[in-house]
mmCIF file of all heavy atoms, coordinates in Angstrom:
data_MODEL
# 
_entry.id   MODEL 
# 
loop_
_atom_site.group_PDB 
_atom_site.id 
_atom_site.type_symbol 
_atom_site.label_atom_id 
_atom_site.label_alt_id 
_atom_site.label_comp_id 
_atom_site.label_asym_id 
_atom_site.label_entity_id 
_atom_site.label_seq_id 
_atom_site.pdbx_PDB_ins_code 
_atom_site.Cartn_x 
_atom_site.Cartn_y 
_atom_site.Cartn_z 
_atom_site.occupancy 
_atom_site.B_iso_or_equiv 
_atom_site.pdbx_formal_charge 
_atom_site.auth_seq_id 
_atom_site.auth_comp_id 
_atom_site.auth_asym_id 
_atom_site.auth_atom_id 
_atom_site.pdbx_PDB_model_num 
ATOM 1   N N   . ALA A 1 1  ? -4.312 3.266   12.554  1.00 0.00 ? 1  ALA A N   1 
ATOM 2   C CA  . ALA A 1 1  ? -2.940 3.116   12.115  1.00 0.00 ? 1  ALA A CA  1 
ATOM 3   C C   . ALA A 1 1  ? -2.778 2.271   10.820  1.00 0.00 ? 1  ALA A C   1 
ATOM 4   O O   . ALA A 1 1  ? -3.297 1.136   10.866  1.00 0.00 ? 1  ALA A O   1 
ATOM 5   C CB  . ALA A 1 1  ? -1.969 2.533   13.161  1.00 0.00 ? 1  ALA A CB  1 
ATOM 6   N N   . ALA A 1 2  ? -2.187 2.864   9.784   1.00 0.00 ? 2  ALA A N   1 
ATOM 7   C CA  . ALA A 1 2  ? -1.996 2.062   8.511   1.00 0.00 ? 2  ALA A CA  1 
ATOM 8   C C   . ALA A 1 2  ? -0.741 1.270   8.488   1.00 0.00 ? 2  ALA A C   1 
ATOM 9   O O   . ALA A 1 2  ? -0.629 0.359   7.753   1.00 0.00 ? 2  ALA A O   1 
ATOM 10  C CB  . ALA A 1 2  ? -2.011 3.101   7.375   1.00 0.00 ? 2  ALA A CB  1 
ATOM 11  N N   . PHE A 1 3  ? 0.306  1.701   9.219   1.00 0.00 ? 3  PHE A N   1 
ATOM 12  C CA  . PHE A 1 3  ? 1.650  1.135   9.103   1.00 0.00 ? 3  PHE A CA  1 
ATOM 13  C C   . PHE A 1 3  ? 1.719  -0.351  9.415   1.00 0.00 ? 3  PHE A C   1 
ATOM 14  O O   . PHE A 1 3  ? 2.541  -1.104  8.909   1.00 0.00 ? 3  PHE A O   1 
ATOM 15  C CB  . PHE A 1 3  ? 2.705  1.950   9.904   1.00 0.00 ? 3  PHE A CB  1 
ATOM 16  C CG  . PHE A 1 3  ? 2.614  1.722   11.354  1.00 0.00 ? 3  PHE A CG  1 
ATOM 17  C CD1 . PHE A 1 3  ? 3.351  0.660   11.973  1.00 0.00 ? 3  PHE A CD1 1 
ATOM 18  C CD2 . PHE A 1 3  ? 1.795  2.484   12.151  1.00 0.00 ? 3  PHE A CD2 1 
ATOM 19  C CE1 . PHE A 1 3  ? 3.341  0.489   13.299  1.00 0.00 ? 3  PHE A CE1 1 
ATOM 20  C CE2 . PHE A 1 3  ? 1.784  2.290   13.520  1.00 0.00 ? 3  PHE A CE2 1 
ATOM 21  C CZ  . PHE A 1 3  ? 2.564  1.273   14.163  1.00 0.00 ? 3  PHE A CZ  1 
ATOM 22  N N   . PRO A 1 4  ? 0.809  -0.944  10.277  1.00 0.00 ? 4  PRO A N   1 
ATOM 23  C CA  . PRO A 1 4  ? 0.896  -2.416  10.513  1.00 0.00 ? 4  PRO A CA  1 
ATOM 24  C C   . PRO A 1 4  ? 0.685  -3.143  9.276   1.00 0.00 ? 4  PRO A C   1 
ATOM 25  O O   . PRO A 1 4  ? 1.029  -4.426  9.264   1.00 0.00 ? 4  PRO A O   1 
ATOM 26  C CB  . PRO A 1 4  ? -0.150 -2.589  11.591  1.00 0.00 ? 4  PRO A CB  1 
ATOM 27  C CG  . PRO A 1 4  ? -0.254 -1.321  12.386  1.00 0.00 ? 4  PRO A CG  1 
ATOM 28  C CD  . PRO A 1 4  ? -0.140 -0.301  11.257  1.00 0.00 ? 4  PRO A CD  1 
ATOM 29  N N   . LEU A 1 5  ? 0.000  -2.620  8.201   1.00 0.00 ? 5  LEU A N   1 
ATOM 30  C CA  . LEU A 1 5  ? -0.114 -3.399  6.910   1.00 0.00 ? 5  LEU A CA  1 
ATOM 31  C C   . LEU A 1 5  ? 1.220  -3.737  6.350   1.00 0.00 ? 5  LEU A C   1 
ATOM 32  O O   . LEU A 1 5  ? 1.284  -4.735  5.516   1.00 0.00 ? 5  LEU A O   1 
ATOM 33  C CB  . LEU A 1 5  ? -0.965 -2.519  6.026   1.00 0.00 ? 5  LEU A CB  1 
ATOM 34  C CG  . LEU A 1 5  ? -2.336 -2.220  6.233   1.00 0.00 ? 5  LEU A CG  1 
ATOM 35  C CD1 . LEU A 1 5  ? -3.007 -1.151  5.338   1.00 0.00 ? 5  LEU A CD1 1 
ATOM 36  C CD2 . LEU A 1 5  ? -3.208 -3.535  6.117   1.00 0.00 ? 5  LEU A CD2 1 
ATOM 37  N N   . LEU A 1 6  ? 2.292  -3.044  6.747   1.00 0.00 ? 6  LEU A N   1 
ATOM 38  C CA  . LEU A 1 6  ? 3.543  -3.427  6.239   1.00 0.00 ? 6  LEU A CA  1 
ATOM 39  C C   . LEU A 1 6  ? 4.032  -4.797  6.607   1.00 0.00 ? 6  LEU A C   1 
ATOM 40  O O   . LEU A 1 6  ? 4.949  -5.356  6.084   1.00 0.00 ? 6  LEU A O   1 
ATOM 41  C CB  . LEU A 1 6  ? 4.629  -2.405  6.643   1.00 0.00 ? 6  LEU A CB  1 
ATOM 42  C CG  . LEU A 1 6  ? 4.336  -0.959  6.064   1.00 0.00 ? 6  LEU A CG  1 
ATOM 43  C CD1 . LEU A 1 6  ? 5.187  0.090   6.838   1.00 0.00 ? 6  LEU A CD1 1 
ATOM 44  C CD2 . LEU A 1 6  ? 4.886  -0.921  4.642   1.00 0.00 ? 6  LEU A CD2 1 
ATOM 45  N N   . ASN A 1 7  ? 3.431  -5.399  7.745   1.00 0.00 ? 7  ASN A N   1 
ATOM 46  C CA  . ASN A 1 7  ? 3.876  -6.673  8.255   1.00 0.00 ? 7  ASN A CA  1 
ATOM 47  C C   . ASN A 1 7  ? 3.452  -7.903  7.349   1.00 0.00 ? 7  ASN A C   1 
ATOM 48  O O   . ASN A 1 7  ? 3.827  -8.865  7.642   1.00 0.00 ? 7  ASN A O   1 
ATOM 49  C CB  . ASN A 1 7  ? 3.151  -6.822  9.629   1.00 0.00 ? 7  ASN A CB  1 
ATOM 50  C CG  . ASN A 1 7  ? 4.105  -6.183  10.693  1.00 0.00 ? 7  ASN A CG  1 
ATOM 51  O OD1 . ASN A 1 7  ? 5.308  -6.322  10.674  1.00 0.00 ? 7  ASN A OD1 1 
ATOM 52  N ND2 . ASN A 1 7  ? 3.362  -5.583  11.669  1.00 0.00 ? 7  ASN A ND2 1 
ATOM 53  N N   . SER A 1 8  ? 2.645  -7.579  6.334   1.00 0.00 ? 8  SER A N   1 
ATOM 54  C CA  . SER A 1 8  ? 2.166  -8.686  5.483   1.00 0.00 ? 8  SER A CA  1 
ATOM 55  C C   . SER A 1 8  ? 2.428  -8.375  4.031   1.00 0.00 ? 8  SER A C   1 
ATOM 56  O O   . SER A 1 8  ? 2.347  -7.267  3.623   1.00 0.00 ? 8  SER A O   1 
ATOM 57  C CB  . SER A 1 8  ? 0.750  -9.082  5.684   1.00 0.00 ? 8  SER A CB  1 
ATOM 58  O OG  . SER A 1 8  ? -0.121 -8.087  5.201   1.00 0.00 ? 8  SER A OG  1 
ATOM 59  N N   . THR A 1 9  ? 2.598  -9.502  3.166   1.00 0.00 ? 9  THR A N   1 
ATOM 60  C CA  . THR A 1 9  ? 2.706  -9.324  1.786   1.00 0.00 ? 9  THR A CA  1 
ATOM 61  C C   . THR A 1 9  ? 1.464  -8.652  1.208   1.00 0.00 ? 9  THR A C   1 
ATOM 62  O O   . THR A 1 9  ? 1.515  -7.684  0.309   1.00 0.00 ? 9  THR A O   1 
ATOM 63  C CB  . THR A 1 9  ? 3.003  -10.638 1.102   1.00 0.00 ? 9  THR A CB  1 
ATOM 64  O OG1 . THR A 1 9  ? 4.164  -11.236 1.664   1.00 0.00 ? 9  THR A OG1 1 
ATOM 65  C CG2 . THR A 1 9  ? 3.069  -10.520 -0.418  1.00 0.00 ? 9  THR A CG2 1 
ATOM 66  N N   . GLU A 1 10 ? 0.292  -9.080  1.652   1.00 0.00 ? 10 GLU A N   1 
ATOM 67  C CA  . GLU A 1 10 ? -0.943 -8.490  1.177   1.00 0.00 ? 10 GLU A CA  1 
ATOM 68  C C   . GLU A 1 10 ? -1.004 -7.060  1.538   1.00 0.00 ? 10 GLU A C   1 
ATOM 69  O O   . GLU A 1 10 ? -1.489 -6.251  0.691   1.00 0.00 ? 10 GLU A O   1 
ATOM 70  C CB  . GLU A 1 10 ? -2.134 -9.279  1.779   1.00 0.00 ? 10 GLU A CB  1 
ATOM 71  C CG  . GLU A 1 10 ? -3.484 -8.784  1.374   1.00 0.00 ? 10 GLU A CG  1 
ATOM 72  C CD  . GLU A 1 10 ? -4.652 -9.357  2.162   1.00 0.00 ? 10 GLU A CD  1 
ATOM 73  O OE1 . GLU A 1 10 ? -4.363 -10.129 3.127   1.00 0.00 ? 10 GLU A OE1 1 
ATOM 74  O OE2 . GLU A 1 10 ? -5.871 -9.078  1.790   1.00 0.00 ? 10 GLU A OE2 1 
ATOM 75  N N   . GLY A 1 11 ? -0.665 -6.778  2.751   1.00 0.00 ? 11 GLY A N   1 
ATOM 76  C CA  . GLY A 1 11 ? -0.816 -5.375  3.157   1.00 0.00 ? 11 GLY A CA  1 
ATOM 77  C C   . GLY A 1 11 ? 0.133  -4.452  2.352   1.00 0.00 ? 11 GLY A C   1 
ATOM 78  O O   . GLY A 1 11 ? -0.255 -3.347  2.067   1.00 0.00 ? 11 GLY A O   1 
ATOM 79  N N   . ARG A 1 12 ? 1.361  -4.921  2.141   1.00 0.00 ? 12 ARG A N   1 
ATOM 80  C CA  . ARG A 1 12 ? 2.283  -4.092  1.395   1.00 0.00 ? 12 ARG A CA  1 
ATOM 81  C C   . ARG A 1 12 ? 1.782  -3.892  -0.024  1.00 0.00 ? 12 ARG A C   1 
ATOM 82  O O   . ARG A 1 12 ? 1.965  -2.837  -0.677  1.00 0.00 ? 12 ARG A O   1 
ATOM 83  C CB  . ARG A 1 12 ? 3.675  -4.763  1.433   1.00 0.00 ? 12 ARG A CB  1 
ATOM 84  C CG  . ARG A 1 12 ? 4.317  -4.722  2.663   1.00 0.00 ? 12 ARG A CG  1 
ATOM 85  C CD  . ARG A 1 12 ? 5.804  -5.080  2.667   1.00 0.00 ? 12 ARG A CD  1 
ATOM 86  N NE  . ARG A 1 12 ? 6.009  -6.506  2.323   1.00 0.00 ? 12 ARG A NE  1 
ATOM 87  C CZ  . ARG A 1 12 ? 6.038  -7.573  3.138   1.00 0.00 ? 12 ARG A CZ  1 
ATOM 88  N NH1 . ARG A 1 12 ? 5.821  -7.398  4.401   1.00 0.00 ? 12 ARG A NH1 1 
ATOM 89  N NH2 . ARG A 1 12 ? 6.227  -8.752  2.609   1.00 0.00 ? 12 ARG A NH2 1 
ATOM 90  N N   . ALA A 1 13 ? 1.115  -4.914  -0.622  1.00 0.00 ? 13 ALA A N   1 
ATOM 91  C CA  . ALA A 1 13 ? 0.614  -4.850  -2.015  1.00 0.00 ? 13 ALA A CA  1 
ATOM 92  C C   . ALA A 1 13 ? -0.521 -3.758  -2.013  1.00 0.00 ? 13 ALA A C   1 
ATOM 93  O O   . ALA A 1 13 ? -0.660 -2.997  -2.991  1.00 0.00 ? 13 ALA A O   1 
ATOM 94  C CB  . ALA A 1 13 ? 0.159  -6.094  -2.512  1.00 0.00 ? 13 ALA A CB  1 
ATOM 95  N N   . LEU A 1 14 ? -1.370 -3.813  -0.929  1.00 0.00 ? 14 LEU A N   1 
ATOM 96  C CA  . LEU A 1 14 ? -2.476 -2.881  -0.843  1.00 0.00 ? 14 LEU A CA  1 
ATOM 97  C C   . LEU A 1 14 ? -1.958 -1.399  -0.739  1.00 0.00 ? 14 LEU A C   1 
ATOM 98  O O   . LEU A 1 14 ? -2.465 -0.558  -1.418  1.00 0.00 ? 14 LEU A O   1 
ATOM 99  C CB  . LEU A 1 14 ? -3.301 -3.161  0.419   1.00 0.00 ? 14 LEU A CB  1 
ATOM 100 C CG  . LEU A 1 14 ? -4.475 -2.312  0.605   1.00 0.00 ? 14 LEU A CG  1 
ATOM 101 C CD1 . LEU A 1 14 ? -5.618 -2.425  -0.480  1.00 0.00 ? 14 LEU A CD1 1 
ATOM 102 C CD2 . LEU A 1 14 ? -5.201 -2.705  1.958   1.00 0.00 ? 14 LEU A CD2 1 
ATOM 103 N N   . LEU A 1 15 ? -0.977 -1.269  -0.008  1.00 0.00 ? 15 LEU A N   1 
ATOM 104 C CA  . LEU A 1 15 ? -0.344 0.103   0.177   1.00 0.00 ? 15 LEU A CA  1 
ATOM 105 C C   . LEU A 1 15 ? 0.248  0.569   -1.199  1.00 0.00 ? 15 LEU A C   1 
ATOM 106 O O   . LEU A 1 15 ? 0.068  1.673   -1.616  1.00 0.00 ? 15 LEU A O   1 
ATOM 107 C CB  . LEU A 1 15 ? 0.669  0.215   1.202   1.00 0.00 ? 15 LEU A CB  1 
ATOM 108 C CG  . LEU A 1 15 ? 0.157  0.073   2.593   1.00 0.00 ? 15 LEU A CG  1 
ATOM 109 C CD1 . LEU A 1 15 ? 1.291  -0.129  3.648   1.00 0.00 ? 15 LEU A CD1 1 
ATOM 110 C CD2 . LEU A 1 15 ? -0.642 1.308   3.008   1.00 0.00 ? 15 LEU A CD2 1 
ATOM 111 N N   . ALA A 1 16 ? 0.930  -0.354  -1.838  1.00 0.00 ? 16 ALA A N   1 
ATOM 112 C CA  . ALA A 1 16 ? 1.615  0.014   -3.245  1.00 0.00 ? 16 ALA A CA  1 
ATOM 113 C C   . ALA A 1 16 ? 0.497  0.341   -4.152  1.00 0.00 ? 16 ALA A C   1 
ATOM 114 O O   . ALA A 1 16 ? 0.688  1.341   -4.936  1.00 0.00 ? 16 ALA A O   1 
ATOM 115 C CB  . ALA A 1 16 ? 2.464  -1.229  -3.651  1.00 0.00 ? 16 ALA A CB  1 
ATOM 116 N N   . ALA A 1 17 ? -0.594 -0.349  -4.262  1.00 0.00 ? 17 ALA A N   1 
ATOM 117 C CA  . ALA A 1 17 ? -1.636 -0.118  -5.193  1.00 0.00 ? 17 ALA A CA  1 
ATOM 118 C C   . ALA A 1 17 ? -2.243 1.274   -4.922  1.00 0.00 ? 17 ALA A C   1 
ATOM 119 O O   . ALA A 1 17 ? -2.611 2.050   -5.786  1.00 0.00 ? 17 ALA A O   1 
ATOM 120 C CB  . ALA A 1 17 ? -2.753 -1.210  -5.131  1.00 0.00 ? 17 ALA A CB  1 
ATOM 121 N N   . TYR A 1 18 ? -2.335 1.625   -3.617  1.00 0.00 ? 18 TYR A N   1 
ATOM 122 C CA  . TYR A 1 18 ? -2.825 2.950   -3.195  1.00 0.00 ? 18 TYR A CA  1 
ATOM 123 C C   . TYR A 1 18 ? -1.926 4.014   -3.853  1.00 0.00 ? 18 TYR A C   1 
ATOM 124 O O   . TYR A 1 18 ? -2.408 4.955   -4.466  1.00 0.00 ? 18 TYR A O   1 
ATOM 125 C CB  . TYR A 1 18 ? -2.910 3.084   -1.730  1.00 0.00 ? 18 TYR A CB  1 
ATOM 126 C CG  . TYR A 1 18 ? -3.095 4.424   -1.218  1.00 0.00 ? 18 TYR A CG  1 
ATOM 127 C CD1 . TYR A 1 18 ? -4.347 4.980   -1.043  1.00 0.00 ? 18 TYR A CD1 1 
ATOM 128 C CD2 . TYR A 1 18 ? -1.974 5.170   -0.712  1.00 0.00 ? 18 TYR A CD2 1 
ATOM 129 C CE1 . TYR A 1 18 ? -4.570 6.278   -0.626  1.00 0.00 ? 18 TYR A CE1 1 
ATOM 130 C CE2 . TYR A 1 18 ? -2.198 6.465   -0.272  1.00 0.00 ? 18 TYR A CE2 1 
ATOM 131 C CZ  . TYR A 1 18 ? -3.444 7.006   -0.215  1.00 0.00 ? 18 TYR A CZ  1 
ATOM 132 O OH  . TYR A 1 18 ? -3.639 8.311   0.256   1.00 0.00 ? 18 TYR A OH  1 
ATOM 133 N N   . TYR A 1 19 ? -0.599 3.955   -3.585  1.00 0.00 ? 19 TYR A N   1 
ATOM 134 C CA  . TYR A 1 19 ? 0.267  4.989   -4.067  1.00 0.00 ? 19 TYR A CA  1 
ATOM 135 C C   . TYR A 1 19 ? 0.322  4.986   -5.583  1.00 0.00 ? 19 TYR A C   1 
ATOM 136 O O   . TYR A 1 19 ? 0.457  6.057   -6.212  1.00 0.00 ? 19 TYR A O   1 
ATOM 137 C CB  . TYR A 1 19 ? 1.653  4.760   -3.525  1.00 0.00 ? 19 TYR A CB  1 
ATOM 138 C CG  . TYR A 1 19 ? 1.800  4.989   -2.030  1.00 0.00 ? 19 TYR A CG  1 
ATOM 139 C CD1 . TYR A 1 19 ? 2.075  3.984   -1.101  1.00 0.00 ? 19 TYR A CD1 1 
ATOM 140 C CD2 . TYR A 1 19 ? 1.615  6.234   -1.499  1.00 0.00 ? 19 TYR A CD2 1 
ATOM 141 C CE1 . TYR A 1 19 ? 2.198  4.169   0.256   1.00 0.00 ? 19 TYR A CE1 1 
ATOM 142 C CE2 . TYR A 1 19 ? 1.686  6.521   -0.162  1.00 0.00 ? 19 TYR A CE2 1 
ATOM 143 C CZ  . TYR A 1 19 ? 2.078  5.467   0.679   1.00 0.00 ? 19 TYR A CZ  1 
ATOM 144 O OH  . TYR A 1 19 ? 2.158  5.770   2.068   1.00 0.00 ? 19 TYR A OH  1 
ATOM 145 N N   . GLU A 1 20 ? 0.271  3.823   -6.216  1.00 0.00 ? 20 GLU A N   1 
ATOM 146 C CA  . GLU A 1 20 ? 0.264  3.798   -7.682  1.00 0.00 ? 20 GLU A CA  1 
ATOM 147 C C   . GLU A 1 20 ? -0.833 4.598   -8.380  1.00 0.00 ? 20 GLU A C   1 
ATOM 148 O O   . GLU A 1 20 ? -0.561 5.181   -9.402  1.00 0.00 ? 20 GLU A O   1 
ATOM 149 C CB  . GLU A 1 20 ? 0.086  2.287   -8.163  1.00 0.00 ? 20 GLU A CB  1 
ATOM 150 C CG  . GLU A 1 20 ? 1.258  1.411   -7.732  1.00 0.00 ? 20 GLU A CG  1 
ATOM 151 C CD  . GLU A 1 20 ? 2.341  1.303   -8.754  1.00 0.00 ? 20 GLU A CD  1 
ATOM 152 O OE1 . GLU A 1 20 ? 2.347  2.089   -9.667  1.00 0.00 ? 20 GLU A OE1 1 
ATOM 153 O OE2 . GLU A 1 20 ? 3.257  0.449   -8.627  1.00 0.00 ? 20 GLU A OE2 1 
ATOM 154 N N   . ARG A 1 21 ? -1.987 4.677   -7.734  1.00 0.00 ? 21 ARG A N   1 
ATOM 155 C CA  . ARG A 1 21 ? -3.059 5.435   -8.332  1.00 0.00 ? 21 ARG A CA  1 
ATOM 156 C C   . ARG A 1 21 ? -2.780 6.901   -8.375  1.00 0.00 ? 21 ARG A C   1 
ATOM 157 O O   . ARG A 1 21 ? -3.043 7.652   -9.287  1.00 0.00 ? 21 ARG A O   1 
ATOM 158 C CB  . ARG A 1 21 ? -4.313 5.186   -7.517  1.00 0.00 ? 21 ARG A CB  1 
ATOM 159 C CG  . ARG A 1 21 ? -4.939 3.857   -7.625  1.00 0.00 ? 21 ARG A CG  1 
ATOM 160 C CD  . ARG A 1 21 ? -6.273 3.707   -7.104  1.00 0.00 ? 21 ARG A CD  1 
ATOM 161 N NE  . ARG A 1 21 ? -6.394 3.830   -5.651  1.00 0.00 ? 21 ARG A NE  1 
ATOM 162 C CZ  . ARG A 1 21 ? -6.373 2.846   -4.864  1.00 0.00 ? 21 ARG A CZ  1 
ATOM 163 N NH1 . ARG A 1 21 ? -6.219 1.586   -5.187  1.00 0.00 ? 21 ARG A NH1 1 
ATOM 164 N NH2 . ARG A 1 21 ? -6.417 3.061   -3.552  1.00 0.00 ? 21 ARG A NH2 1 
ATOM 165 N N   . TYR A 1 22 ? -2.068 7.390   -7.330  1.00 0.00 ? 22 TYR A N   1 
ATOM 166 C CA  . TYR A 1 22 ? -1.614 8.742   -7.284  1.00 0.00 ? 22 TYR A CA  1 
ATOM 167 C C   . TYR A 1 22 ? -0.420 9.153   -8.080  1.00 0.00 ? 22 TYR A C   1 
ATOM 168 O O   . TYR A 1 22 ? -0.392 10.183  -8.771  1.00 0.00 ? 22 TYR A O   1 
ATOM 169 C CB  . TYR A 1 22 ? -1.342 9.310   -5.862  1.00 0.00 ? 22 TYR A CB  1 
ATOM 170 C CG  . TYR A 1 22 ? -2.633 9.280   -4.996  1.00 0.00 ? 22 TYR A CG  1 
ATOM 171 C CD1 . TYR A 1 22 ? -2.964 8.159   -4.130  1.00 0.00 ? 22 TYR A CD1 1 
ATOM 172 C CD2 . TYR A 1 22 ? -3.432 10.384  -4.926  1.00 0.00 ? 22 TYR A CD2 1 
ATOM 173 C CE1 . TYR A 1 22 ? -4.117 8.173   -3.403  1.00 0.00 ? 22 TYR A CE1 1 
ATOM 174 C CE2 . TYR A 1 22 ? -4.618 10.408  -4.118  1.00 0.00 ? 22 TYR A CE2 1 
ATOM 175 C CZ  . TYR A 1 22 ? -4.939 9.288   -3.391  1.00 0.00 ? 22 TYR A CZ  1 
ATOM 176 O OH  . TYR A 1 22 ? -6.072 9.356   -2.602  1.00 0.00 ? 22 TYR A OH  1 
ATOM 177 N N   . LEU A 1 23 ? 0.396  8.166   -8.217  1.00 0.00 ? 23 LEU A N   1 
ATOM 178 C CA  . LEU A 1 23 ? 1.581  8.371   -9.074  1.00 0.00 ? 23 LEU A CA  1 
ATOM 179 C C   . LEU A 1 23 ? 1.112  8.446   -10.565 1.00 0.00 ? 23 LEU A C   1 
ATOM 180 O O   . LEU A 1 23 ? 1.707  9.174   -11.334 1.00 0.00 ? 23 LEU A O   1 
ATOM 181 C CB  . LEU A 1 23 ? 2.579  7.221   -8.989  1.00 0.00 ? 23 LEU A CB  1 
ATOM 182 C CG  . LEU A 1 23 ? 3.372  7.204   -7.706  1.00 0.00 ? 23 LEU A CG  1 
ATOM 183 C CD1 . LEU A 1 23 ? 3.956  5.932   -7.342  1.00 0.00 ? 23 LEU A CD1 1 
ATOM 184 C CD2 . LEU A 1 23 ? 4.592  8.298   -7.728  1.00 0.00 ? 23 LEU A CD2 1 
ATOM 185 N N   . ALA A 1 24 ? 0.007  7.706   -10.946 1.00 0.00 ? 24 ALA A N   1 
ATOM 186 C CA  . ALA A 1 24 ? -0.539 7.800   -12.215 1.00 0.00 ? 24 ALA A CA  1 
ATOM 187 C C   . ALA A 1 24 ? -1.043 9.218   -12.496 1.00 0.00 ? 24 ALA A C   1 
ATOM 188 O O   . ALA A 1 24 ? -0.870 9.734   -13.622 1.00 0.00 ? 24 ALA A O   1 
ATOM 189 C CB  . ALA A 1 24 ? -1.567 6.808   -12.393 1.00 0.00 ? 24 ALA A CB  1 
ATOM 190 N N   . VAL A 1 25 ? -1.703 9.839   -11.580 1.00 0.00 ? 25 VAL A N   1 
ATOM 191 C CA  . VAL A 1 25 ? -2.163 11.217  -11.677 1.00 0.00 ? 25 VAL A CA  1 
ATOM 192 C C   . VAL A 1 25 ? -0.992 12.162  -11.909 1.00 0.00 ? 25 VAL A C   1 
ATOM 193 O O   . VAL A 1 25 ? -0.968 13.027  -12.834 1.00 0.00 ? 25 VAL A O   1 
ATOM 194 C CB  . VAL A 1 25 ? -2.980 11.692  -10.441 1.00 0.00 ? 25 VAL A CB  1 
ATOM 195 C CG1 . VAL A 1 25 ? -3.347 13.159  -10.615 1.00 0.00 ? 25 VAL A CG1 1 
ATOM 196 C CG2 . VAL A 1 25 ? -4.133 10.817  -10.211 1.00 0.00 ? 25 VAL A CG2 1 
# 
């Protein structure tokens, strides 16, 4: 499960960075 990462600032930043790479494409 990936969604528990939302519980921390670090986890939310990690998810945002993941999506940012695809948004750049």
